[in-house]
Amino acid sequence: MSFYDALRHFADSYGLVMIFGLYLLLCGWHFLPRSREHVEDAKNSIFKEDDHV
């Protein structure tokens, strides 16, 4: 088995699981209680510099 085949096998099996786990982690990150303040700031950030009257 060549090095390329070994890397391809890893990417097809374990790499997919690792990427899916990272995706779930990043999507769930902002639902943690300690990140509520950052989520509120992000929600209201478009209204902070409202120059249109």
Protein backbone atom coordinates (compact mmCIF):
# COMPACT_ATOMS: atom_id res chain seq x y z
CA MET A 1 0.00 0.00 0.00
CA SER A 2 1.42 3.36 -0.98
CA PHE A 3 1.53 6.44 1.18
CA TYR A 4 -1.15 8.06 -0.96
CA ASP A 5 -3.49 5.09 -0.51
CA ALA A 6 -2.94 5.15 3.27
CA LEU A 7 -3.75 8.88 3.47
CA ARG A 8 -6.77 8.42 1.26
CA HIS A 9 -8.07 5.60 3.44
CA PHE A 10 -7.57 7.77 6.54
CA ALA A 11 -9.38 10.72 4.96
CA ASP A 12 -12.25 8.55 3.75
CA SER A 13 -12.90 6.99 7.14
CA TYR A 14 -11.42 8.72 10.20
CA GLY A 15 -11.08 12.14 8.61
CA LEU A 16 -14.80 12.24 7.88
CA VAL A 17 -15.63 11.39 11.48
CA MET A 18 -13.21 14.03 12.77
CA ILE A 19 -14.63 16.73 10.50
CA PHE A 20 -18.19 15.85 11.48
CA GLY A 21 -17.24 16.02 15.16
CA LEU A 22 -15.60 19.42 14.64
CA TYR A 23 -18.72 20.63 12.83
CA LEU A 24 -20.94 19.58 15.74
CA LEU A 25 -18.59 21.20 18.23
CA LEU A 26 -18.51 24.51 16.38
CA CYS A 27 -22.27 24.56 15.79
CA GLY A 28 -23.00 23.81 19.43
CA TRP A 29 -20.42 26.28 20.78
CA HIS A 30 -22.75 29.28 20.75
CA PHE A 31 -25.48 27.39 22.65
CA LEU A 32 -23.30 27.18 25.76
CA PRO A 33 -24.51 29.37 28.65
CA ARG A 34 -21.24 31.30 28.94
CA SER A 35 -21.43 32.50 25.33
CA ARG A 36 -24.84 34.16 25.72
CA GLU A 37 -23.27 37.63 25.95
CA HIS A 38 -21.35 37.16 22.69
CA VAL A 39 -24.46 35.90 20.91
CA GLU A 40 -26.46 38.91 22.09
CA ASP A 41 -23.70 41.27 20.92
CA ALA A 42 -23.63 39.57 17.52
CA LYS A 43 -27.41 39.75 17.21
CA ASN A 44 -27.51 43.48 17.89
CA SER A 45 -24.28 44.47 16.11
CA ILE A 46 -26.06 45.60 12.96
CA PHE A 47 -27.92 48.27 14.96
CA LYS A 48 -24.93 49.78 16.79
CA GLU A 49 -23.81 52.27 14.16
CA ASP A 50 -27.11 53.24 12.63
CA ASP A 51 -26.41 56.55 10.89
CA HIS A 52 -29.68 56.55 8.94
CA VAL A 53 -32.29 58.75 10.57
